Amino acid sequence: MNTDSGMTIRPSSEADQQALMELYPRAFPDEDLAELVTDVLACPDAQSYLAEDKGEVIGHIGFTDCGVAGSDLTFSMLSPLAVAPERQRQGVGKALIADGLHRLRERGIAKLFVLGDPKYYSRSGFTQEMKVLPPQPVRNDWMPAWQSIALEAEGETAAGMLKVPAFWDRPDYWS
């Protein structure tokens, strides 16, 4: 997808892994997200997209297909998301989210979940999730960060525990 700003959003490939491994430490210097990024890129149930400008990787987003106990609908979880520091606050992250929402709707995903800053994600339509529980305990003061956006009407009816691929079942990814 090409945007009005000249930025291109496209599926990432194995050839992009090094650029992504360089992006995350720049975007999050106080966090080590290399293992999470590697896990998402290797997961057959995940989709990975990057934003480029003139051939330079300026952003990345990942989505992992999930389920909810007791439901036969398909859900997804957004993580990770990073934007190069020099391109933050220029709409790159919002464009990656919007592109992802479009792609997920086309695939018939019922609802998208994220554990992230409510101020940031609410600008893309996310609200606090109350019916579907994260797969690992989340501190009480972080519960407002557990959010979702329904992509199909049926997604609103889901309730239960989010079922995730095994790599997401690590407590350190949720604390």
C-alpha atoms as a PDB file:
ATOM      1  CA  MET A   1       0.000   0.000   0.000  1.00  0.00           C
ATOM      2  CA  ASN A   2       1.271   3.457  -0.881  1.00  0.00           C
ATOM      3  CA  THR A   3       0.234   6.341   1.338  1.00  0.00           C
ATOM      4  CA  ASP A   4      -0.160  10.040   0.570  1.00  0.00           C
ATOM      5  CA  SER A   5       3.189  10.739   2.245  1.00  0.00           C
ATOM      6  CA  GLY A   6       5.101   8.533  -0.197  1.00  0.00           C
ATOM      7  CA  MET A   7       5.532   5.853   2.433  1.00  0.00           C
ATOM      8  CA  THR A   8       4.944   2.266   1.323  1.00  0.00           C
ATOM      9  CA  ILE A   9       3.514  -0.460   3.561  1.00  0.00           C
ATOM     10  CA  ARG A  10       4.213  -4.014   2.485  1.00  0.00           C
ATOM     11  CA  PRO A  11       4.519  -7.518   3.928  1.00  0.00           C
ATOM     12  CA  SER A  12       7.948  -8.074   5.399  1.00  0.00           C
ATOM     13  CA  SER A  13      10.188 -10.852   4.166  1.00  0.00           C
ATOM     14  CA  GLU A  14      13.092 -12.816   5.564  1.00  0.00           C
ATOM     15  CA  ALA A  15      15.395 -10.326   3.831  1.00  0.00           C
ATOM     16  CA  ASP A  16      13.991  -7.568   6.102  1.00  0.00           C
ATOM     17  CA  GLN A  17      14.876  -9.257   9.392  1.00  0.00           C
ATOM     18  CA  GLN A  18      18.187  -7.418   9.893  1.00  0.00           C
ATOM     19  CA  ALA A  19      16.562  -4.027   9.308  1.00  0.00           C
ATOM     20  CA  LEU A  20      13.849  -4.913  11.818  1.00  0.00           C
ATOM     21  CA  MET A  21      16.440  -6.062  14.372  1.00  0.00           C
ATOM     22  CA  GLU A  22      18.049  -2.622  14.027  1.00  0.00           C
ATOM     23  CA  LEU A  23      14.740  -0.721  14.191  1.00  0.00           C
ATOM     24  CA  TYR A  24      13.471  -2.027  17.534  1.00  0.00           C
ATOM     25  CA  PRO A  25      16.459  -1.043  19.731  1.00  0.00           C
ATOM     26  CA  ARG A  26      16.319   2.439  18.213  1.00  0.00           C
ATOM     27  CA  ALA A  27      12.579   2.761  18.826  1.00  0.00           C
ATOM     28  CA  PHE A  28      12.709   1.169  22.307  1.00  0.00           C
ATOM     29  CA  PRO A  29      16.216   1.715  23.728  1.00  0.00           C
ATOM     30  CA  ASP A  30      15.141   0.583  27.217  1.00  0.00           C
ATOM     31  CA  GLU A  31      13.555  -2.702  26.089  1.00  0.00           C
ATOM     32  CA  ASP A  32      14.997  -5.822  24.475  1.00  0.00           C
ATOM     33  CA  LEU A  33      12.372  -6.907  21.971  1.00  0.00           C
ATOM     34  CA  ALA A  34      14.656  -8.970  19.708  1.00  0.00           C
ATOM     35  CA  GLU A  35      13.280 -12.328  20.853  1.00  0.00           C
ATOM     36  CA  LEU A  36       9.662 -11.211  20.494  1.00  0.00           C
ATOM     37  CA  VAL A  37      10.294  -9.842  17.001  1.00  0.00           C
ATOM     38  CA  THR A  38      12.079 -13.061  16.021  1.00  0.00           C
ATOM     39  CA  ASP A  39       9.206 -15.150  17.415  1.00  0.00           C
ATOM     40  CA  VAL A  40       6.578 -13.164  15.516  1.00  0.00           C
ATOM     41  CA  LEU A  41       8.559 -13.319  12.273  1.00  0.00           C
ATOM     42  CA  ALA A  42       8.944 -17.104  12.630  1.00  0.00           C
ATOM     43  CA  CYS A  43       5.326 -17.835  13.573  1.00  0.00           C
ATOM     44  CA  PRO A  44       3.232 -19.346  10.757  1.00  0.00           C
ATOM     45  CA  ASP A  45       0.124 -17.745  12.335  1.00  0.00           C
ATOM     46  CA  ALA A  46       1.599 -14.221  12.237  1.00  0.00           C
ATOM     47  CA  GLN A  47       1.619 -11.471   9.670  1.00  0.00           C
ATOM     48  CA  SER A  48       4.346  -8.854   9.540  1.00  0.00           C
ATOM     49  CA  TYR A  49       4.291  -5.550   7.657  1.00  0.00           C
ATOM     50  CA  LEU A  50       6.801  -2.771   7.353  1.00  0.00           C
ATOM     51  CA  ALA A  51       6.697   0.844   6.352  1.00  0.00           C
ATOM     52  CA  GLU A  52       9.367   2.104   4.002  1.00  0.00           C
ATOM     53  CA  ASP A  53      10.273   5.507   2.715  1.00  0.00           C
ATOM     54  CA  LYS A  54      12.710   5.651  -0.202  1.00  0.00           C
ATOM     55  CA  GLY A  55      13.829   2.101   0.584  1.00  0.00           C
ATOM     56  CA  GLU A  56      14.480   2.790   4.282  1.00  0.00           C
ATOM     57  CA  VAL A  57      12.538   0.811   6.905  1.00  0.00           C
ATOM     58  CA  ILE A  58      10.789   3.387   9.100  1.00  0.00           C
ATOM     59  CA  GLY A  59       8.204   1.231  10.866  1.00  0.00           C
ATOM     60  CA  HIS A  60       6.999  -2.296  11.531  1.00  0.00           C
ATOM     61  CA  ILE A  61       3.876  -4.000  12.847  1.00  0.00           C
ATOM     62  CA  GLY A  62       3.081  -7.617  13.632  1.00  0.00           C
ATOM     63  CA  PHE A  63      -0.201  -9.469  14.066  1.00  0.00           C
ATOM     64  CA  THR A  64      -0.645 -12.990  15.435  1.00  0.00           C
ATOM     65  CA  ASP A  65      -3.775 -15.059  14.822  1.00  0.00           C
ATOM     66  CA  CYS A  66      -5.395 -16.203  18.062  1.00  0.00           C
ATOM     67  CA  GLY A  67      -8.531 -17.819  19.345  1.00  0.00           C
ATOM     68  CA  VAL A  68     -10.819 -17.330  22.307  1.00  0.00           C
ATOM     69  CA  ALA A  69     -11.800 -20.304  24.430  1.00  0.00           C
ATOM     70  CA  GLY A  70     -15.323 -21.357  23.489  1.00  0.00           C
ATOM     71  CA  SER A  71     -15.420 -19.483  20.160  1.00  0.00           C
ATOM     72  CA  ASP A  72     -14.763 -20.689  16.638  1.00  0.00           C
ATOM     73  CA  LEU A  73     -14.039 -17.157  15.379  1.00  0.00           C
ATOM     74  CA  THR A  74     -10.507 -16.063  14.478  1.00  0.00           C
ATOM     75  CA  PHE A  75      -8.973 -13.207  16.412  1.00  0.00           C
ATOM     76  CA  SER A  76      -5.635 -11.451  16.207  1.00  0.00           C
ATOM     77  CA  MET A  77      -3.208  -9.712  18.523  1.00  0.00           C
ATOM     78  CA  LEU A  78      -1.230  -6.631  17.542  1.00  0.00           C
ATOM     79  CA  SER A  79       2.383  -6.713  18.661  1.00  0.00           C
ATOM     80  CA  PRO A  80       5.012  -5.563  18.162  1.00  0.00           C
ATOM     81  CA  LEU A  81       4.780  -2.065  16.675  1.00  0.00           C
ATOM     82  CA  ALA A  82       7.765   0.224  16.228  1.00  0.00           C
ATOM     83  CA  VAL A  83       8.506   3.450  14.387  1.00  0.00           C
ATOM     84  CA  ALA A  84      11.985   4.858  13.812  1.00  0.00           C
ATOM     85  CA  PRO A  85      12.588   7.670  16.336  1.00  0.00           C
ATOM     86  CA  GLU A  86      13.110  10.313  13.643  1.00  0.00           C
ATOM     87  CA  ARG A  87       9.729   9.388  12.088  1.00  0.00           C
ATOM     88  CA  GLN A  88       7.624   9.237  15.262  1.00  0.00           C
ATOM     89  CA  ARG A  89       4.649  11.591  15.562  1.00  0.00           C
ATOM     90  CA  GLN A  90       4.347  11.731  11.758  1.00  0.00           C
ATOM     91  CA  GLY A  91       1.515   9.198  11.347  1.00  0.00           C
ATOM     92  CA  VAL A  92       3.650   6.148  10.512  1.00  0.00           C
ATOM     93  CA  GLY A  93       2.316   4.037  13.397  1.00  0.00           C
ATOM     94  CA  LYS A  94      -1.256   5.100  12.752  1.00  0.00           C
ATOM     95  CA  ALA A  95      -0.853   4.229   9.042  1.00  0.00           C
ATOM     96  CA  LEU A  96       0.540   0.789   9.931  1.00  0.00           C
ATOM     97  CA  ILE A  97      -2.407   0.166  12.262  1.00  0.00           C
ATOM     98  CA  ALA A  98      -4.964   1.355   9.673  1.00  0.00           C
ATOM     99  CA  ASP A  99      -3.391  -0.813   6.980  1.00  0.00           C
ATOM    100  CA  GLY A 100      -3.377  -3.775   9.358  1.00  0.00           C
ATOM    101  CA  LEU A 101      -7.037  -3.272  10.304  1.00  0.00           C
ATOM    102  CA  HIS A 102      -7.943  -3.276   6.607  1.00  0.00           C
ATOM    103  CA  ARG A 103      -5.972  -6.461   5.942  1.00  0.00           C
ATOM    104  CA  LEU A 104      -7.417  -8.198   9.020  1.00  0.00           C
ATOM    105  CA  ARG A 105     -10.991  -7.296   8.004  1.00  0.00           C
ATOM    106  CA  GLU A 106     -10.341  -8.737   4.546  1.00  0.00           C
ATOM    107  CA  ARG A 107      -9.204 -11.985   6.214  1.00  0.00           C
ATOM    108  CA  GLY A 108     -12.373 -12.169   8.340  1.00  0.00           C
ATOM    109  CA  ILE A 109     -10.680 -11.560  11.699  1.00  0.00           C
ATOM    110  CA  ALA A 110     -13.404 -10.881  14.289  1.00  0.00           C
ATOM    111  CA  LYS A 111     -11.477  -8.755  16.796  1.00  0.00           C
ATOM    112  CA  LEU A 112      -7.984  -7.383  17.351  1.00  0.00           C
ATOM    113  CA  PHE A 113      -6.335  -7.200  20.790  1.00  0.00           C
ATOM    114  CA  VAL A 114      -3.369  -5.180  22.031  1.00  0.00           C
ATOM    115  CA  LEU A 115      -1.588  -4.560  25.319  1.00  0.00           C
ATOM    116  CA  GLY A 116      -0.406  -0.993  24.885  1.00  0.00           C
ATOM    117  CA  ASP A 117      -0.726   2.679  25.762  1.00  0.00           C
ATOM    118  CA  PRO A 118      -4.461   3.526  25.866  1.00  0.00           C
ATOM    119  CA  LYS A 119      -3.810   7.145  24.841  1.00  0.00           C
ATOM    120  CA  TYR A 120      -2.041   5.974  21.700  1.00  0.00           C
ATOM    121  CA  TYR A 121      -4.253   3.069  20.648  1.00  0.00           C
ATOM    122  CA  SER A 122      -7.559   4.831  21.397  1.00  0.00           C
ATOM    123  CA  ARG A 123      -6.764   7.156  18.461  1.00  0.00           C
ATOM    124  CA  SER A 124      -7.196   4.109  16.206  1.00  0.00           C
ATOM    125  CA  GLY A 125     -10.472   3.019  17.833  1.00  0.00           C
ATOM    126  CA  PHE A 126      -9.254   0.623  20.540  1.00  0.00           C
ATOM    127  CA  THR A 127     -11.102   0.507  23.866  1.00  0.00           C
ATOM    128  CA  GLN A 128     -10.415  -1.364  27.090  1.00  0.00           C
ATOM    129  CA  GLU A 129     -11.221  -5.077  26.706  1.00  0.00           C
ATOM    130  CA  MET A 130     -13.488  -6.388  29.443  1.00  0.00           C
ATOM    131  CA  LYS A 131     -14.733  -9.795  28.206  1.00  0.00           C
ATOM    132  CA  VAL A 132     -11.646 -11.528  26.816  1.00  0.00           C
ATOM    133  CA  LEU A 133      -8.807 -12.117  29.248  1.00  0.00           C
ATOM    134  CA  PRO A 134      -5.143 -11.967  28.239  1.00  0.00           C
ATOM    135  CA  PRO A 135      -3.366 -15.357  28.243  1.00  0.00           C
ATOM    136  CA  GLN A 136      -1.138 -14.334  31.155  1.00  0.00           C
ATOM    137  CA  PRO A 137      -1.907 -12.244  34.224  1.00  0.00           C
ATOM    138  CA  VAL A 138      -1.548  -8.510  33.740  1.00  0.00           C
ATOM    139  CA  ARG A 139      -0.982  -6.185  36.692  1.00  0.00           C
ATOM    140  CA  ASN A 140      -4.186  -4.468  37.833  1.00  0.00           C
ATOM    141  CA  ASP A 141      -2.821  -1.018  37.019  1.00  0.00           C
ATOM    142  CA  TRP A 142      -2.078  -2.217  33.466  1.00  0.00           C
ATOM    143  CA  MET A 143      -5.578  -3.566  32.765  1.00  0.00           C
ATOM    144  CA  PRO A 144      -6.646  -0.344  30.961  1.00  0.00           C
ATOM    145  CA  ALA A 145      -3.827  -1.159  28.500  1.00  0.00           C
ATOM    146  CA  TRP A 146      -5.552  -4.462  27.564  1.00  0.00           C
ATOM    147  CA  GLN A 147      -7.615  -3.219  24.634  1.00  0.00           C
ATOM    148  CA  SER A 148      -9.444  -4.384  21.539  1.00  0.00           C
ATOM    149  CA  ILE A 149     -11.278  -3.277  18.450  1.00  0.00           C
ATOM    150  CA  ALA A 150     -14.073  -5.340  16.889  1.00  0.00           C
ATOM    151  CA  LEU A 151     -13.593  -5.901  13.167  1.00  0.00           C
ATOM    152  CA  GLU A 152     -16.836  -7.883  12.743  1.00  0.00           C
ATOM    153  CA  ALA A 153     -20.029  -7.662  14.786  1.00  0.00           C
ATOM    154  CA  GLU A 154     -19.537 -11.220  16.061  1.00  0.00           C
ATOM    155  CA  GLY A 155     -16.266 -10.125  17.660  1.00  0.00           C
ATOM    156  CA  GLU A 156     -18.208  -8.144  20.260  1.00  0.00           C
ATOM    157  CA  THR A 157     -19.780 -11.320  21.656  1.00  0.00           C
ATOM    158  CA  ALA A 158     -16.518 -13.139  22.412  1.00  0.00           C
ATOM    159  CA  ALA A 159     -15.748 -13.829  26.057  1.00  0.00           C
ATOM    160  CA  GLY A 160     -13.161 -16.040  27.714  1.00  0.00           C
ATOM    161  CA  MET A 161      -9.398 -16.497  27.685  1.00  0.00           C
ATOM    162  CA  LEU A 162      -7.342 -15.515  24.647  1.00  0.00           C
ATOM    163  CA  LYS A 163      -5.635 -18.589  23.168  1.00  0.00           C
ATOM    164  CA  VAL A 164      -2.267 -17.721  21.653  1.00  0.00           C
ATOM    165  CA  PRO A 165       0.605 -19.541  19.950  1.00  0.00           C
ATOM    166  CA  ALA A 166       3.033 -21.014  22.485  1.00  0.00           C
ATOM    167  CA  PHE A 167       5.656 -18.261  22.237  1.00  0.00           C
ATOM    168  CA  TRP A 168       3.093 -15.697  23.482  1.00  0.00           C
ATOM    169  CA  ASP A 169       2.495 -17.719  26.629  1.00  0.00           C
ATOM    170  CA  ARG A 170       5.561 -16.207  28.342  1.00  0.00           C
ATOM    171  CA  PRO A 171       4.809 -14.169  31.486  1.00  0.00           C
ATOM    172  CA  ASP A 172       7.583 -11.644  30.676  1.00  0.00           C
ATOM    173  CA  TYR A 173       5.742 -10.602  27.514  1.00  0.00           C
ATOM    174  CA  TRP A 174       2.808  -9.541  29.726  1.00  0.00           C
ATOM    175  CA  SER A 175       4.568  -7.816  32.607  1.00  0.00           C
END
